[in-house]
Amino acid sequence: MNKKLNFIIIIAFCCLNVIFAQDPPPLPDAPNQGPINGLMFLAIIGILIAAKSYFNRSK
């Protein structure tokens, strides 16, 4: 009985060590904001081209 109890305690301890040794899953990162910045540059360039053509036409 004592040998069986020691064996169960050792196995449980080993299993708990394996479980606690694992890293938690990583937290989700912020979404990639690359395309939004590219669209902003595209919109700014479009506005500048439209303003340039508008002011050059009125001269």
N, C-alpha and C. Protein backbone atom coordinates (compact mmCIF):
# COMPACT_ATOMS: atom_id res chain seq x y z
N MET A 1 0.83 -1.19 0.00
CA MET A 1 0.00 0.00 0.00
C MET A 1 0.87 1.26 0.00
N ASN A 2 1.90 1.28 0.84
CA ASN A 2 2.79 2.43 0.94
C ASN A 2 3.56 2.63 -0.37
N LYS A 3 3.97 1.53 -0.99
CA LYS A 3 4.70 1.60 -2.26
C LYS A 3 3.80 2.16 -3.37
N LYS A 4 2.54 1.73 -3.37
CA LYS A 4 1.59 2.18 -4.39
C LYS A 4 1.30 3.67 -4.21
N LEU A 5 1.15 4.13 -2.98
CA LEU A 5 0.90 5.54 -2.70
C LEU A 5 2.09 6.40 -3.12
N ASN A 6 3.30 5.94 -2.83
CA ASN A 6 4.50 6.66 -3.27
C ASN A 6 4.57 6.73 -4.79
N PHE A 7 4.23 5.64 -5.45
CA PHE A 7 4.26 5.60 -6.92
C PHE A 7 3.25 6.59 -7.50
N ILE A 8 2.05 6.64 -6.95
CA ILE A 8 1.02 7.56 -7.44
C ILE A 8 1.44 9.01 -7.21
N ILE A 9 2.03 9.30 -6.06
CA ILE A 9 2.48 10.66 -5.77
C ILE A 9 3.60 11.07 -6.72
N ILE A 10 4.53 10.19 -7.00
CA ILE A 10 5.63 10.50 -7.93
C ILE A 10 5.11 10.73 -9.34
N ILE A 11 4.19 9.88 -9.79
CA ILE A 11 3.62 10.05 -11.14
C ILE A 11 2.84 11.36 -11.23
N ALA A 12 2.04 11.67 -10.21
CA ALA A 12 1.28 12.92 -10.20
C ALA A 12 2.21 14.12 -10.20
N PHE A 13 3.29 14.06 -9.44
CA PHE A 13 4.26 15.15 -9.39
C PHE A 13 4.91 15.36 -10.76
N CYS A 14 5.27 14.27 -11.43
CA CYS A 14 5.89 14.37 -12.76
C CYS A 14 4.91 14.95 -13.77
N CYS A 15 3.66 14.51 -13.72
CA CYS A 15 2.65 15.04 -14.65
C CYS A 15 2.40 16.53 -14.40
N LEU A 16 2.34 16.93 -13.15
CA LEU A 16 2.14 18.34 -12.83
C LEU A 16 3.33 19.19 -13.28
N ASN A 17 4.54 18.65 -13.16
CA ASN A 17 5.72 19.38 -13.64
C ASN A 17 5.65 19.61 -15.14
N VAL A 18 5.20 18.62 -15.88
CA VAL A 18 5.08 18.77 -17.33
C VAL A 18 4.02 19.80 -17.67
N ILE A 19 2.91 19.77 -16.95
CA ILE A 19 1.83 20.73 -17.23
C ILE A 19 2.25 22.16 -16.89
N PHE A 20 2.88 22.36 -15.74
CA PHE A 20 3.27 23.71 -15.33
C PHE A 20 4.49 24.23 -16.08
N ALA A 21 5.26 23.37 -16.71
CA ALA A 21 6.45 23.81 -17.44
C ALA A 21 6.10 24.40 -18.80
N GLN A 22 4.89 24.18 -19.27
CA GLN A 22 4.51 24.69 -20.59
C GLN A 22 4.23 26.18 -20.50
N ASP A 23 4.61 26.90 -21.56
CA ASP A 23 4.35 28.34 -21.63
C ASP A 23 2.87 28.58 -21.90
N PRO A 24 2.34 29.66 -21.38
CA PRO A 24 0.96 30.00 -21.73
C PRO A 24 0.90 30.45 -23.18
N PRO A 25 -0.25 30.37 -23.82
CA PRO A 25 -0.33 30.81 -25.21
C PRO A 25 -0.06 32.31 -25.32
N PRO A 26 0.55 32.75 -26.40
CA PRO A 26 0.86 34.18 -26.53
C PRO A 26 -0.41 35.00 -26.69
N LEU A 27 -0.34 36.23 -26.23
CA LEU A 27 -1.47 37.13 -26.36
C LEU A 27 -1.57 37.60 -27.81
N PRO A 28 -2.76 37.88 -28.29
CA PRO A 28 -2.87 38.35 -29.67
C PRO A 28 -2.25 39.74 -29.82
N ASP A 29 -1.58 39.94 -30.94
CA ASP A 29 -0.95 41.23 -31.21
C ASP A 29 -1.94 42.18 -31.85
N ALA A 30 -1.54 43.43 -31.93
CA ALA A 30 -2.36 44.42 -32.61
C ALA A 30 -2.39 44.09 -34.10
N PRO A 31 -3.46 44.39 -34.77
CA PRO A 31 -3.53 44.09 -36.20
C PRO A 31 -2.53 44.92 -36.99
N ASN A 32 -2.14 44.40 -38.11
CA ASN A 32 -1.19 45.08 -38.98
C ASN A 32 -1.86 46.32 -39.58
N GLN A 33 -1.25 47.48 -39.39
CA GLN A 33 -1.83 48.72 -39.86
C GLN A 33 -1.21 49.19 -41.17
N GLY A 34 -0.48 48.33 -41.86
CA GLY A 34 0.21 48.71 -43.08
C GLY A 34 -0.70 49.19 -44.20
N PRO A 35 -1.73 48.46 -44.57
CA PRO A 35 -2.57 48.90 -45.68
C PRO A 35 -3.26 50.23 -45.42
N ILE A 36 -3.61 50.53 -44.17
CA ILE A 36 -4.28 51.80 -43.88
C ILE A 36 -3.33 52.96 -44.15
N ASN A 37 -2.07 52.82 -43.75
CA ASN A 37 -1.09 53.87 -44.00
C ASN A 37 -0.88 54.06 -45.49
N GLY A 38 -0.84 52.97 -46.24
CA GLY A 38 -0.68 53.08 -47.68
C GLY A 38 -1.86 53.78 -48.33
N LEU A 39 -3.06 53.50 -47.85
CA LEU A 39 -4.25 54.16 -48.39
C LEU A 39 -4.26 55.64 -48.04
N MET A 40 -3.73 55.99 -46.88
CA MET A 40 -3.65 57.40 -46.51
C MET A 40 -2.72 58.15 -47.46
N PHE A 41 -1.55 57.55 -47.73
CA PHE A 41 -0.63 58.19 -48.67
C PHE A 41 -1.27 58.32 -50.05
N LEU A 42 -1.98 57.29 -50.48
CA LEU A 42 -2.65 57.32 -51.77
C LEU A 42 -3.70 58.42 -51.81
N ALA A 43 -4.47 58.58 -50.74
CA ALA A 43 -5.50 59.62 -50.69
C ALA A 43 -4.86 61.01 -50.68
N ILE A 44 -3.78 61.19 -49.93
CA ILE A 44 -3.11 62.49 -49.88
C ILE A 44 -2.55 62.86 -51.25
N ILE A 45 -1.92 61.89 -51.92
CA ILE A 45 -1.37 62.15 -53.25
C ILE A 45 -2.49 62.47 -54.23
N GLY A 46 -3.61 61.75 -54.13
CA GLY A 46 -4.75 62.03 -55.01
C GLY A 46 -5.31 63.42 -54.79
N ILE A 47 -5.40 63.84 -53.54
CA ILE A 47 -5.89 65.19 -53.24
C ILE A 47 -4.91 66.24 -53.77
N LEU A 48 -3.61 65.99 -53.62
CA LEU A 48 -2.62 66.95 -54.14
C LEU A 48 -2.68 67.05 -55.65
N ILE A 49 -2.84 65.93 -56.35
CA ILE A 49 -2.94 65.95 -57.81
C ILE A 49 -4.20 66.68 -58.25
N ALA A 50 -5.32 66.42 -57.56
CA ALA A 50 -6.57 67.10 -57.90
C ALA A 50 -6.47 68.60 -57.64
N ALA A 51 -5.85 69.00 -56.53
CA ALA A 51 -5.69 70.42 -56.23
C ALA A 51 -4.76 71.09 -57.24
N LYS A 52 -3.69 70.40 -57.62
CA LYS A 52 -2.76 70.96 -58.60
C LYS A 52 -3.45 71.17 -59.95
N SER A 53 -4.21 70.17 -60.39
CA SER A 53 -4.89 70.32 -61.68
C SER A 53 -5.99 71.38 -61.60
N TYR A 54 -6.63 71.54 -60.46
CA TYR A 54 -7.67 72.56 -60.31
C TYR A 54 -7.07 73.96 -60.36
N PHE A 55 -5.96 74.17 -59.64
CA PHE A 55 -5.36 75.50 -59.61
C PHE A 55 -4.64 75.82 -60.91
N ASN A 56 -4.10 74.84 -61.62
CA ASN A 56 -3.43 75.11 -62.90
C ASN A 56 -4.45 75.41 -63.98
N ARG A 57 -5.65 74.87 -63.89
CA ARG A 57 -6.67 75.10 -64.90
C ARG A 57 -7.22 76.52 -64.80
N SER A 58 -7.26 77.09 -63.61
CA SER A 58 -7.84 78.42 -63.43
C SER A 58 -6.90 79.54 -63.88
N LYS A 59 -5.65 79.25 -64.14
CA LYS A 59 -4.70 80.29 -64.56
C LYS A 59 -4.87 80.64 -65.99
